[in-house]
Amino acid sequence: MNYQWDWGAVRESLPYLLDGFGITLLATVLGTLVAAVLGLVVAVLGRVPSRLVTVPVRALTEFVRSTPLLVQLVGAYAIFNSIEPLTIGIAVLGIHYASYMSEVYRAGIDAVPKGQWEACRALSMSPRRTWQAVILPQAVRNVLPALGNYGIAMFKETPFLAVITVVEMVAQAREYGANHFVYAETFTLAGLIFLAASYPTSLLMRRLERRLGH
């Protein structure tokens, strides 16, 4: 039996998928902000002289990085089941990718020439002033493309949020497909929306890399 593509289903399902895309985009943007800020905090804490700080931070980072995102989502949902699922999903996405972004920040900080640190000490700049005015501006500028790439990766992993009942775009596609028996159309459309959103962003990241001299 030959399958007949249903263009009507594509048109009818599009508004539902776009509603889900709004959730997908919200989770990605907020998750990326959480990851970017928390990753920077982890990277800075990793340079604190005290092992009482660095050892727990590194252990927690390795734990998050070494366990699957899906397991983290389900575990967090089981523990914090009184919290809105989308909030849990954003927090887990942010924490998961913060463990990776922290390594990106660490590499950016290590890439700052030692002369910059020595100049700050020679000028008797406080540690806070040194970080804010000299080190972080250079480090963040160097790692922006890599941070953007992690944001794109997070965008493509938002369908995992469906396991904690967040109705994002792929969940909408599955639900519509189940109700109307048009899985091929809805999942294809969801994939095309992902492509339309992520590919231009990937091109922007490549252009940014070239502009920053990477």
N, C-alpha and C. Protein backbone atom coordinates (compact mmCIF):
# COMPACT_ATOMS: atom_id res chain seq x y z
N MET A 1 0.85 -1.19 0.00
CA MET A 1 0.00 0.00 0.00
C MET A 1 0.89 1.24 0.00
N ASN A 2 0.68 2.14 -0.91
CA ASN A 2 1.45 3.37 -1.02
C ASN A 2 0.92 4.40 -0.03
N TYR A 3 1.88 5.07 0.65
CA TYR A 3 1.48 6.09 1.63
C TYR A 3 1.21 7.39 0.90
N GLN A 4 0.13 8.05 1.23
CA GLN A 4 -0.23 9.33 0.62
C GLN A 4 0.06 10.47 1.60
N TRP A 5 0.98 11.31 1.18
CA TRP A 5 1.33 12.45 2.02
C TRP A 5 0.14 13.39 2.16
N ASP A 6 -0.15 13.81 3.38
CA ASP A 6 -1.34 14.63 3.66
C ASP A 6 -0.90 16.07 3.94
N TRP A 7 -0.98 16.90 2.90
CA TRP A 7 -0.61 18.30 3.07
C TRP A 7 -1.59 19.04 3.99
N GLY A 8 -2.84 18.59 3.99
CA GLY A 8 -3.82 19.20 4.89
C GLY A 8 -3.42 19.03 6.35
N ALA A 9 -2.87 17.86 6.68
CA ALA A 9 -2.42 17.63 8.05
C ALA A 9 -1.26 18.54 8.41
N VAL A 10 -0.42 18.82 7.42
CA VAL A 10 0.71 19.73 7.66
C VAL A 10 0.19 21.12 8.01
N ARG A 11 -0.76 21.60 7.22
CA ARG A 11 -1.33 22.94 7.48
C ARG A 11 -2.06 22.99 8.82
N GLU A 12 -2.81 21.94 9.12
CA GLU A 12 -3.60 21.94 10.35
C GLU A 12 -2.74 21.77 11.59
N SER A 13 -1.66 21.03 11.48
CA SER A 13 -0.82 20.79 12.66
C SER A 13 0.16 21.92 12.93
N LEU A 14 0.42 22.76 11.93
CA LEU A 14 1.42 23.82 12.09
C LEU A 14 1.15 24.73 13.29
N PRO A 15 -0.09 25.22 13.50
CA PRO A 15 -0.31 26.08 14.68
C PRO A 15 -0.01 25.37 15.99
N TYR A 16 -0.33 24.08 16.09
CA TYR A 16 -0.05 23.33 17.31
C TYR A 16 1.45 23.21 17.54
N LEU A 17 2.17 22.94 16.46
CA LEU A 17 3.62 22.81 16.58
C LEU A 17 4.27 24.14 16.93
N LEU A 18 3.74 25.23 16.39
CA LEU A 18 4.30 26.53 16.71
C LEU A 18 4.05 26.90 18.17
N ASP A 19 2.91 26.46 18.71
CA ASP A 19 2.67 26.65 20.15
C ASP A 19 3.74 25.90 20.95
N GLY A 20 4.01 24.67 20.55
CA GLY A 20 5.05 23.90 21.21
C GLY A 20 6.42 24.50 21.01
N PHE A 21 6.64 25.11 19.85
CA PHE A 21 7.93 25.74 19.57
C PHE A 21 8.18 26.90 20.54
N GLY A 22 7.11 27.59 20.93
CA GLY A 22 7.27 28.67 21.90
C GLY A 22 7.83 28.14 23.21
N ILE A 23 7.34 26.98 23.65
CA ILE A 23 7.87 26.35 24.87
C ILE A 23 9.31 25.91 24.66
N THR A 24 9.58 25.33 23.49
CA THR A 24 10.94 24.90 23.17
C THR A 24 11.91 26.07 23.20
N LEU A 25 11.50 27.18 22.60
CA LEU A 25 12.37 28.36 22.55
C LEU A 25 12.57 28.95 23.93
N LEU A 26 11.50 29.00 24.72
CA LEU A 26 11.60 29.54 26.08
C LEU A 26 12.57 28.70 26.92
N ALA A 27 12.43 27.38 26.83
CA ALA A 27 13.32 26.50 27.59
C ALA A 27 14.76 26.67 27.15
N THR A 28 14.98 26.85 25.85
CA THR A 28 16.34 27.00 25.34
C THR A 28 16.97 28.31 25.80
N VAL A 29 16.24 29.40 25.66
CA VAL A 29 16.78 30.72 26.02
C VAL A 29 17.08 30.80 27.51
N LEU A 30 16.10 30.41 28.34
CA LEU A 30 16.31 30.49 29.78
C LEU A 30 17.34 29.47 30.25
N GLY A 31 17.31 28.27 29.66
CA GLY A 31 18.31 27.26 30.01
C GLY A 31 19.71 27.71 29.66
N THR A 32 19.86 28.36 28.51
CA THR A 32 21.17 28.86 28.10
C THR A 32 21.67 29.95 29.04
N LEU A 33 20.76 30.84 29.45
CA LEU A 33 21.15 31.90 30.40
C LEU A 33 21.61 31.30 31.72
N VAL A 34 20.85 30.30 32.22
CA VAL A 34 21.25 29.64 33.46
C VAL A 34 22.62 28.98 33.30
N ALA A 35 22.80 28.27 32.18
CA ALA A 35 24.06 27.57 31.94
C ALA A 35 25.22 28.54 31.82
N ALA A 36 25.01 29.65 31.12
CA ALA A 36 26.09 30.61 30.91
C ALA A 36 26.53 31.24 32.23
N VAL A 37 25.57 31.63 33.06
CA VAL A 37 25.90 32.27 34.34
C VAL A 37 26.50 31.26 35.31
N LEU A 38 25.82 30.12 35.45
CA LEU A 38 26.29 29.11 36.40
C LEU A 38 27.64 28.52 35.97
N GLY A 39 27.82 28.34 34.66
CA GLY A 39 29.09 27.82 34.16
C GLY A 39 30.24 28.76 34.49
N LEU A 40 29.99 30.07 34.38
CA LEU A 40 31.02 31.06 34.72
C LEU A 40 31.34 31.01 36.21
N VAL A 41 30.31 30.88 37.03
CA VAL A 41 30.52 30.79 38.48
C VAL A 41 31.37 29.56 38.82
N VAL A 42 31.05 28.43 38.20
CA VAL A 42 31.79 27.19 38.45
C VAL A 42 33.24 27.35 38.01
N ALA A 43 33.47 27.98 36.86
CA ALA A 43 34.83 28.17 36.36
C ALA A 43 35.65 29.04 37.30
N VAL A 44 35.03 30.09 37.83
CA VAL A 44 35.75 30.98 38.74
C VAL A 44 36.02 30.27 40.07
N LEU A 45 35.01 29.54 40.58
CA LEU A 45 35.21 28.80 41.83
C LEU A 45 36.30 27.74 41.70
N GLY A 46 36.45 27.21 40.49
CA GLY A 46 37.47 26.21 40.27
C GLY A 46 38.89 26.74 40.41
N ARG A 47 39.04 28.07 40.44
CA ARG A 47 40.36 28.67 40.59
C ARG A 47 40.59 29.20 42.00
N VAL A 48 39.63 28.96 42.89
CA VAL A 48 39.81 29.37 44.29
C VAL A 48 40.91 28.51 44.92
N PRO A 49 41.83 29.10 45.67
CA PRO A 49 42.95 28.32 46.24
C PRO A 49 42.52 27.21 47.19
N SER A 50 41.39 27.38 47.88
CA SER A 50 40.97 26.41 48.89
C SER A 50 40.39 25.15 48.27
N ARG A 51 40.90 23.98 48.69
CA ARG A 51 40.37 22.71 48.22
C ARG A 51 38.98 22.43 48.77
N LEU A 52 38.62 23.10 49.85
CA LEU A 52 37.27 22.95 50.40
C LEU A 52 36.22 23.45 49.41
N VAL A 53 36.64 24.31 48.51
CA VAL A 53 35.75 24.82 47.47
C VAL A 53 35.91 24.05 46.17
N THR A 54 37.16 23.88 45.74
CA THR A 54 37.40 23.29 44.42
C THR A 54 37.01 21.82 44.33
N VAL A 55 37.27 21.04 45.39
CA VAL A 55 36.97 19.60 45.33
C VAL A 55 35.48 19.33 45.20
N PRO A 56 34.60 19.92 46.04
CA PRO A 56 33.16 19.69 45.85
C PRO A 56 32.64 20.20 44.50
N VAL A 57 33.16 21.33 44.07
CA VAL A 57 32.71 21.89 42.78
C VAL A 57 33.08 20.96 41.64
N ARG A 58 34.30 20.46 41.64
CA ARG A 58 34.74 19.56 40.57
C ARG A 58 34.00 18.22 40.63
N ALA A 59 33.75 17.73 41.84
CA ALA A 59 33.02 16.46 41.98
C ALA A 59 31.60 16.59 41.46
N LEU A 60 30.94 17.68 41.79
CA LEU A 60 29.57 17.90 41.31
C LEU A 60 29.54 18.07 39.81
N THR A 61 30.52 18.79 39.28
CA THR A 61 30.59 19.00 37.84
C THR A 61 30.79 17.68 37.10
N GLU A 62 31.68 16.84 37.61
CA GLU A 62 31.91 15.55 36.98
C GLU A 62 30.69 14.65 37.06
N PHE A 63 29.98 14.72 38.17
CA PHE A 63 28.76 13.92 38.32
C PHE A 63 27.73 14.33 37.28
N VAL A 64 27.51 15.62 37.12
CA VAL A 64 26.51 16.12 36.16
C VAL A 64 26.93 15.77 34.74
N ARG A 65 28.21 15.93 34.44
CA ARG A 65 28.70 15.68 33.08
C ARG A 65 28.69 14.20 32.74
N SER A 66 28.79 13.34 33.75
CA SER A 66 28.93 11.90 33.51
C SER A 66 27.61 11.14 33.56
N THR A 67 26.51 11.82 33.83
CA THR A 67 25.20 11.16 33.86
C THR A 67 24.32 11.70 32.74
N PRO A 68 23.45 10.87 32.18
CA PRO A 68 22.62 11.32 31.05
C PRO A 68 21.63 12.40 31.44
N LEU A 69 21.37 13.30 30.51
CA LEU A 69 20.40 14.37 30.73
C LEU A 69 19.03 13.78 31.05
N LEU A 70 18.67 12.71 30.37
CA LEU A 70 17.36 12.10 30.58
C LEU A 70 17.20 11.62 32.03
N VAL A 71 18.24 11.00 32.56
CA VAL A 71 18.20 10.53 33.94
C VAL A 71 18.09 11.70 34.90
N GLN A 72 18.79 12.77 34.63
CA GLN A 72 18.73 13.95 35.48
C GLN A 72 17.34 14.57 35.48
N LEU A 73 16.71 14.60 34.32
CA LEU A 73 15.36 15.16 34.22
C LEU A 73 14.36 14.33 35.04
N VAL A 74 14.41 13.03 34.84
CA VAL A 74 13.48 12.14 35.56
C VAL A 74 13.72 12.20 37.06
N GLY A 75 14.99 12.19 37.46
CA GLY A 75 15.32 12.26 38.88
C GLY A 75 14.85 13.55 39.51
N ALA A 76 15.11 14.67 38.84
CA ALA A 76 14.69 15.97 39.37
C ALA A 76 13.16 16.07 39.45
N TYR A 77 12.49 15.51 38.44
CA TYR A 77 11.02 15.54 38.42
C TYR A 77 10.44 14.70 39.56
N ALA A 78 11.08 13.59 39.86
CA ALA A 78 10.60 12.74 40.95
C ALA A 78 10.81 13.39 42.31
N ILE A 79 11.90 14.11 42.45
CA ILE A 79 12.23 14.73 43.75
C ILE A 79 11.44 16.02 43.96
N PHE A 80 11.38 16.84 42.91
CA PHE A 80 10.73 18.15 43.02
C PHE A 80 9.40 18.17 42.28
N ASN A 81 8.56 17.18 42.54
CA ASN A 81 7.32 17.04 41.78
C ASN A 81 6.28 18.11 42.08
N SER A 82 6.52 18.92 43.10
CA SER A 82 5.58 20.00 43.40
C SER A 82 5.88 21.27 42.59
N ILE A 83 7.00 21.26 41.87
CA ILE A 83 7.41 22.42 41.06
C ILE A 83 6.92 22.23 39.63
N GLU A 84 6.63 23.34 38.95
CA GLU A 84 6.19 23.31 37.57
C GLU A 84 7.21 22.54 36.72
N PRO A 85 6.75 21.56 35.92
CA PRO A 85 7.68 20.75 35.10
C PRO A 85 8.59 21.58 34.20
N LEU A 86 8.06 22.65 33.60
CA LEU A 86 8.90 23.47 32.73
C LEU A 86 10.03 24.11 33.52
N THR A 87 9.74 24.55 34.73
CA THR A 87 10.78 25.15 35.58
C THR A 87 11.86 24.13 35.89
N ILE A 88 11.43 22.89 36.21
CA ILE A 88 12.40 21.82 36.46
C ILE A 88 13.24 21.57 35.23
N GLY A 89 12.59 21.52 34.07
CA GLY A 89 13.31 21.26 32.83
C GLY A 89 14.35 22.32 32.52
N ILE A 90 13.97 23.59 32.71
CA ILE A 90 14.91 24.69 32.45
C ILE A 90 16.10 24.60 33.40
N ALA A 91 15.81 24.31 34.68
CA ALA A 91 16.89 24.22 35.67
C ALA A 91 17.84 23.07 35.35
N VAL A 92 17.28 21.91 34.99
CA VAL A 92 18.13 20.75 34.69
C VAL A 92 18.95 21.00 33.43
N LEU A 93 18.33 21.55 32.40
CA LEU A 93 19.08 21.88 31.19
C LEU A 93 20.21 22.86 31.51
N GLY A 94 19.89 23.88 32.30
CA GLY A 94 20.91 24.87 32.64
C GLY A 94 22.06 24.28 33.42
N ILE A 95 21.75 23.45 34.42
CA ILE A 95 22.80 22.84 35.24
C ILE A 95 23.62 21.85 34.41
N HIS A 96 22.94 21.07 33.57
CA HIS A 96 23.64 20.08 32.75
C HIS A 96 24.65 20.76 31.82
N TYR A 97 24.20 21.79 31.13
CA TYR A 97 25.11 22.44 30.18
C TYR A 97 26.08 23.38 30.87
N ALA A 98 25.78 23.81 32.09
CA ALA A 98 26.75 24.61 32.84
C ALA A 98 28.02 23.81 33.11
N SER A 99 27.87 22.48 33.29
CA SER A 99 29.04 21.65 33.54
C SER A 99 29.98 21.63 32.34
N TYR A 100 29.42 21.77 31.14
CA TYR A 100 30.24 21.84 29.94
C TYR A 100 30.76 23.25 29.68
N MET A 101 29.88 24.23 29.89
CA MET A 101 30.29 25.62 29.65
C MET A 101 31.38 26.04 30.62
N SER A 102 31.39 25.46 31.82
CA SER A 102 32.44 25.81 32.78
C SER A 102 33.82 25.47 32.25
N GLU A 103 33.91 24.35 31.51
CA GLU A 103 35.20 23.98 30.91
C GLU A 103 35.57 24.94 29.79
N VAL A 104 34.58 25.43 29.07
CA VAL A 104 34.84 26.41 28.02
C VAL A 104 35.36 27.70 28.65
N TYR A 105 34.70 28.14 29.71
CA TYR A 105 35.17 29.34 30.40
C TYR A 105 36.57 29.13 30.95
N ARG A 106 36.83 27.94 31.53
CA ARG A 106 38.15 27.66 32.09
C ARG A 106 39.23 27.80 31.02
N ALA A 107 38.94 27.26 29.83
CA ALA A 107 39.91 27.37 28.73
C ALA A 107 40.11 28.83 28.34
N GLY A 108 39.02 29.60 28.34
CA GLY A 108 39.15 31.01 27.99
C GLY A 108 39.95 31.78 29.02
N ILE A 109 39.75 31.46 30.30
CA ILE A 109 40.52 32.13 31.36
C ILE A 109 41.99 31.74 31.28
N ASP A 110 42.26 30.46 31.04
CA ASP A 110 43.65 30.01 30.93
C ASP A 110 44.36 30.64 29.73
N ALA A 111 43.56 31.03 28.72
CA ALA A 111 44.17 31.60 27.51
C ALA A 111 44.56 33.07 27.69
N VAL A 112 44.08 33.69 28.75
CA VAL A 112 44.48 35.08 29.00
C VAL A 112 45.96 35.12 29.34
N PRO A 113 46.75 35.92 28.64
CA PRO A 113 48.20 35.94 28.88
C PRO A 113 48.56 36.22 30.34
N LYS A 114 49.61 35.55 30.82
CA LYS A 114 50.03 35.74 32.20
C LYS A 114 50.43 37.19 32.48
N GLY A 115 50.87 37.86 31.42
CA GLY A 115 51.25 39.26 31.60
C GLY A 115 50.10 40.12 32.06
N GLN A 116 48.87 39.74 31.69
CA GLN A 116 47.71 40.51 32.13
C GLN A 116 47.52 40.39 33.64
N TRP A 117 47.70 39.17 34.16
CA TRP A 117 47.59 38.97 35.60
C TRP A 117 48.70 39.75 36.33
N GLU A 118 49.91 39.67 35.79
CA GLU A 118 51.04 40.34 36.43
C GLU A 118 50.86 41.86 36.42
N ALA A 119 50.29 42.38 35.32
CA ALA A 119 50.06 43.82 35.24
C ALA A 119 49.04 44.26 36.28
N CYS A 120 48.02 43.44 36.48
CA CYS A 120 47.01 43.78 37.49
C CYS A 120 47.61 43.80 38.89
N ARG A 121 48.47 42.82 39.17
CA ARG A 121 49.13 42.81 40.48
C ARG A 121 50.06 44.00 40.64
N ALA A 122 50.76 44.36 39.56
CA ALA A 122 51.67 45.51 39.62
C ALA A 122 50.91 46.81 39.88
N LEU A 123 49.68 46.88 39.39
CA LEU A 123 48.85 48.08 39.59
C LEU A 123 48.05 48.01 40.88
N SER A 124 48.29 46.95 41.67
CA SER A 124 47.62 46.77 42.97
C SER A 124 46.10 46.72 42.82
N MET A 125 45.64 46.13 41.75
CA MET A 125 44.21 45.99 41.54
C MET A 125 43.68 44.87 42.43
N SER A 126 42.49 45.07 42.96
CA SER A 126 41.88 44.04 43.81
C SER A 126 41.51 42.84 42.95
N PRO A 127 41.40 41.65 43.56
CA PRO A 127 40.99 40.47 42.78
C PRO A 127 39.67 40.68 42.05
N ARG A 128 38.71 41.31 42.70
CA ARG A 128 37.41 41.55 42.05
C ARG A 128 37.56 42.45 40.84
N ARG A 129 38.33 43.51 40.99
CA ARG A 129 38.56 44.43 39.87
C ARG A 129 39.33 43.74 38.75
N THR A 130 40.27 42.90 39.10
CA THR A 130 41.05 42.17 38.10
C THR A 130 40.15 41.28 37.26
N TRP A 131 39.26 40.55 37.93
CA TRP A 131 38.36 39.66 37.20
C TRP A 131 37.38 40.46 36.33
N GLN A 132 36.78 41.47 36.92
CA GLN A 132 35.72 42.19 36.22
C GLN A 132 36.23 43.03 35.06
N ALA A 133 37.35 43.69 35.25
CA ALA A 133 37.81 44.66 34.26
C ALA A 133 38.81 44.10 33.26
N VAL A 134 39.52 43.03 33.62
CA VAL A 134 40.60 42.56 32.75
C VAL A 134 40.40 41.12 32.28
N ILE A 135 40.23 40.20 33.20
CA ILE A 135 40.26 38.78 32.85
C ILE A 135 38.97 38.33 32.14
N LEU A 136 37.84 38.55 32.79
CA LEU A 136 36.59 38.04 32.22
C LEU A 136 36.23 38.64 30.86
N PRO A 137 36.41 39.95 30.64
CA PRO A 137 36.10 40.47 29.30
C PRO A 137 36.88 39.78 28.19
N GLN A 138 38.16 39.48 28.44
CA GLN A 138 38.96 38.80 27.43
C GLN A 138 38.55 37.33 27.29
N ALA A 139 38.33 36.67 28.42
CA ALA A 139 38.00 35.25 28.40
C ALA A 139 36.66 35.00 27.72
N VAL A 140 35.65 35.79 28.08
CA VAL A 140 34.31 35.59 27.51
C VAL A 140 34.30 35.88 26.02
N ARG A 141 35.03 36.90 25.62
CA ARG A 141 35.09 37.22 24.19
C ARG A 141 35.66 36.05 23.39
N ASN A 142 36.63 35.37 23.94
CA ASN A 142 37.27 34.27 23.23
C ASN A 142 36.40 33.03 23.13
N VAL A 143 35.47 32.86 24.07
CA VAL A 143 34.70 31.61 24.11
C VAL A 143 33.25 31.78 23.66
N LEU A 144 32.87 32.96 23.22
CA LEU A 144 31.49 33.18 22.81
C LEU A 144 30.99 32.18 21.76
N PRO A 145 31.78 31.90 20.70
CA PRO A 145 31.30 30.93 19.70
C PRO A 145 31.02 29.55 20.29
N ALA A 146 31.90 29.08 21.18
CA ALA A 146 31.70 27.77 21.79
C ALA A 146 30.45 27.76 22.67
N LEU A 147 30.22 28.85 23.40
CA LEU A 147 29.02 28.95 24.22
C LEU A 147 27.77 28.92 23.36
N GLY A 148 27.82 29.61 22.22
CA GLY A 148 26.69 29.59 21.30
C GLY A 148 26.41 28.21 20.76
N ASN A 149 27.45 27.46 20.49
CA ASN A 149 27.27 26.08 19.98
C ASN A 149 26.60 25.19 21.02
N TYR A 150 26.92 25.40 22.29
CA TYR A 150 26.24 24.64 23.34
C TYR A 150 24.77 25.05 23.45
N GLY A 151 24.49 26.31 23.19
CA GLY A 151 23.11 26.75 23.18
C GLY A 151 22.31 26.06 22.08
N ILE A 152 22.91 25.88 20.92
CA ILE A 152 22.27 25.17 19.82
C ILE A 152 22.05 23.71 20.18
N ALA A 153 23.05 23.11 20.82
CA ALA A 153 22.92 21.71 21.25
C ALA A 153 21.79 21.56 22.26
N MET A 154 21.65 22.51 23.16
CA MET A 154 20.55 22.45 24.13
C MET A 154 19.20 22.54 23.42
N PHE A 155 19.11 23.41 22.42
CA PHE A 155 17.88 23.57 21.65
C PHE A 155 17.43 22.23 21.06
N LYS A 156 18.38 21.47 20.56
CA LYS A 156 18.04 20.19 19.94
C LYS A 156 17.75 19.08 20.95
N GLU A 157 18.04 19.32 22.22
CA GLU A 157 17.77 18.32 23.24
C GLU A 157 16.52 18.64 24.05
N THR A 158 15.83 19.73 23.72
CA THR A 158 14.60 20.06 24.45
C THR A 158 13.51 19.01 24.31
N PRO A 159 13.46 18.18 23.25
CA PRO A 159 12.43 17.12 23.23
C PRO A 159 12.48 16.18 24.43
N PHE A 160 13.63 16.08 25.11
CA PHE A 160 13.71 15.25 26.32
C PHE A 160 12.77 15.75 27.41
N LEU A 161 12.37 17.03 27.34
CA LEU A 161 11.49 17.58 28.36
C LEU A 161 10.12 16.90 28.36
N ALA A 162 9.79 16.23 27.26
CA ALA A 162 8.51 15.53 27.19
C ALA A 162 8.39 14.45 28.25
N VAL A 163 9.51 13.89 28.68
CA VAL A 163 9.44 12.80 29.67
C VAL A 163 8.98 13.31 31.04
N ILE A 164 9.03 14.62 31.26
CA ILE A 164 8.52 15.18 32.52
C ILE A 164 7.26 16.00 32.25
N THR A 165 6.55 15.63 31.20
CA THR A 165 5.22 16.18 30.83
C THR A 165 5.24 17.60 30.29
N VAL A 166 6.39 18.11 29.89
CA VAL A 166 6.44 19.42 29.25
C VAL A 166 6.02 19.24 27.79
N VAL A 167 5.00 19.96 27.37
CA VAL A 167 4.49 19.80 26.01
C VAL A 167 5.22 20.77 25.08
N GLU A 168 6.44 20.40 24.71
CA GLU A 168 7.19 21.22 23.75
C GLU A 168 6.83 20.78 22.33
N MET A 169 7.60 21.19 21.35
CA MET A 169 7.20 21.01 19.96
C MET A 169 7.09 19.54 19.55
N VAL A 170 8.06 18.72 19.89
CA VAL A 170 8.01 17.31 19.49
C VAL A 170 6.86 16.59 20.19
N ALA A 171 6.59 16.96 21.44
CA ALA A 171 5.46 16.38 22.15
C ALA A 171 4.15 16.75 21.47
N GLN A 172 4.06 17.99 20.99
CA GLN A 172 2.88 18.42 20.24
C GLN A 172 2.75 17.63 18.96
N ALA A 173 3.86 17.39 18.28
CA ALA A 173 3.84 16.62 17.05
C ALA A 173 3.37 15.19 17.31
N ARG A 174 3.87 14.60 18.37
CA ARG A 174 3.47 13.24 18.70
C ARG A 174 1.98 13.16 19.07
N GLU A 175 1.53 14.15 19.84
CA GLU A 175 0.13 14.15 20.27
C GLU A 175 -0.81 14.34 19.08
N TYR A 176 -0.47 15.30 18.22
CA TYR A 176 -1.31 15.53 17.04
C TYR A 176 -1.28 14.31 16.12
N GLY A 177 -0.10 13.73 15.95
CA GLY A 177 0.02 12.55 15.09
C GLY A 177 -0.79 11.39 15.62
N ALA A 178 -0.81 11.21 16.95
CA ALA A 178 -1.56 10.11 17.54
C ALA A 178 -3.06 10.31 17.38
N ASN A 179 -3.50 11.56 17.47
CA ASN A 179 -4.93 11.84 17.36
C ASN A 179 -5.45 11.77 15.93
N HIS A 180 -4.56 12.01 14.95
CA HIS A 180 -5.00 12.07 13.56
C HIS A 180 -4.29 11.05 12.66
N PHE A 181 -3.43 10.22 13.26
CA PHE A 181 -2.72 9.17 12.51
C PHE A 181 -1.89 9.74 11.35
N VAL A 182 -1.16 10.81 11.65
CA VAL A 182 -0.33 11.46 10.62
C VAL A 182 1.05 11.74 11.22
N TYR A 183 1.71 10.71 11.71
CA TYR A 183 3.01 10.87 12.35
C TYR A 183 4.07 11.42 11.40
N ALA A 184 4.10 10.90 10.18
CA ALA A 184 5.15 11.31 9.24
C ALA A 184 5.09 12.80 8.99
N GLU A 185 3.90 13.34 8.79
CA GLU A 185 3.76 14.76 8.48
C GLU A 185 4.17 15.64 9.67
N THR A 186 3.68 15.28 10.85
CA THR A 186 3.95 16.14 12.00
C THR A 186 5.42 16.09 12.44
N PHE A 187 6.01 14.89 12.43
CA PHE A 187 7.41 14.80 12.84
C PHE A 187 8.34 15.42 11.80
N THR A 188 7.98 15.28 10.53
CA THR A 188 8.78 15.93 9.48
C THR A 188 8.71 17.44 9.63
N LEU A 189 7.51 17.95 9.90
CA LEU A 189 7.35 19.39 10.08
C LEU A 189 8.13 19.87 11.30
N ALA A 190 8.09 19.11 12.38
CA ALA A 190 8.85 19.48 13.58
C ALA A 190 10.35 19.52 13.27
N GLY A 191 10.82 18.54 12.51
CA GLY A 191 12.24 18.53 12.13
C GLY A 191 12.62 19.73 11.29
N LEU A 192 11.73 20.11 10.37
CA LEU A 192 12.00 21.27 9.52
C LEU A 192 12.02 22.57 10.33
N ILE A 193 11.16 22.65 11.34
CA ILE A 193 11.17 23.84 12.19
C ILE A 193 12.47 23.91 12.99
N PHE A 194 12.91 22.76 13.50
CA PHE A 194 14.20 22.72 14.20
C PHE A 194 15.32 23.19 13.27
N LEU A 195 15.30 22.68 12.04
CA LEU A 195 16.33 23.05 11.06
C LEU A 195 16.29 24.53 10.74
N ALA A 196 15.08 25.07 10.54
CA ALA A 196 14.93 26.48 10.19
C ALA A 196 15.41 27.39 11.32
N ALA A 197 15.30 26.91 12.55
CA ALA A 197 15.72 27.74 13.68
C ALA A 197 17.20 27.58 14.00
N SER A 198 17.72 26.36 13.89
CA SER A 198 19.10 26.11 14.33
C SER A 198 20.14 26.40 13.26
N TYR A 199 19.81 26.16 11.98
CA TYR A 199 20.82 26.33 10.94
C TYR A 199 21.29 27.79 10.81
N PRO A 200 20.38 28.77 10.76
CA PRO A 200 20.87 30.16 10.71
C PRO A 200 21.71 30.54 11.93
N THR A 201 21.35 29.99 13.08
CA THR A 201 22.13 30.27 14.28
C THR A 201 23.53 29.67 14.17
N SER A 202 23.62 28.47 13.58
CA SER A 202 24.94 27.84 13.37
C SER A 202 25.79 28.69 12.44
N LEU A 203 25.17 29.22 11.38
CA LEU A 203 25.91 30.09 10.47
C LEU A 203 26.39 31.36 11.18
N LEU A 204 25.54 31.88 12.06
CA LEU A 204 25.92 33.07 12.82
C LEU A 204 27.11 32.78 13.72
N MET A 205 27.12 31.60 14.34
CA MET A 205 28.23 31.23 15.21
C MET A 205 29.53 31.10 14.41
N ARG A 206 29.44 30.52 13.21
CA ARG A 206 30.64 30.39 12.37
C ARG A 206 31.16 31.77 11.96
N ARG A 207 30.24 32.66 11.64
CA ARG A 207 30.66 34.01 11.26
C ARG A 207 31.31 34.72 12.45
N LEU A 208 30.75 34.49 13.64
CA LEU A 208 31.32 35.08 14.84
C LEU A 208 32.71 34.54 15.11
N GLU A 209 32.90 33.22 14.89
CA GLU A 209 34.22 32.62 15.07
C GLU A 209 35.25 33.27 14.15
N ARG A 210 34.86 33.46 12.89
CA ARG A 210 35.80 34.10 11.95
C ARG A 210 36.09 35.53 12.34
N ARG A 211 35.08 36.21 12.80
CA ARG A 211 35.27 37.62 13.16
C ARG A 211 36.18 37.78 14.38
N LEU A 212 36.08 36.80 15.30
CA LEU A 212 36.91 36.86 16.51
C LEU A 212 38.28 36.24 16.30
N GLY A 213 38.51 35.73 15.09
CA GLY A 213 39.82 35.19 14.76
C GLY A 213 40.06 33.79 15.20
N HIS A 214 38.97 32.96 15.38
CA HIS A 214 39.13 31.57 15.79
C HIS A 214 39.42 30.70 14.59
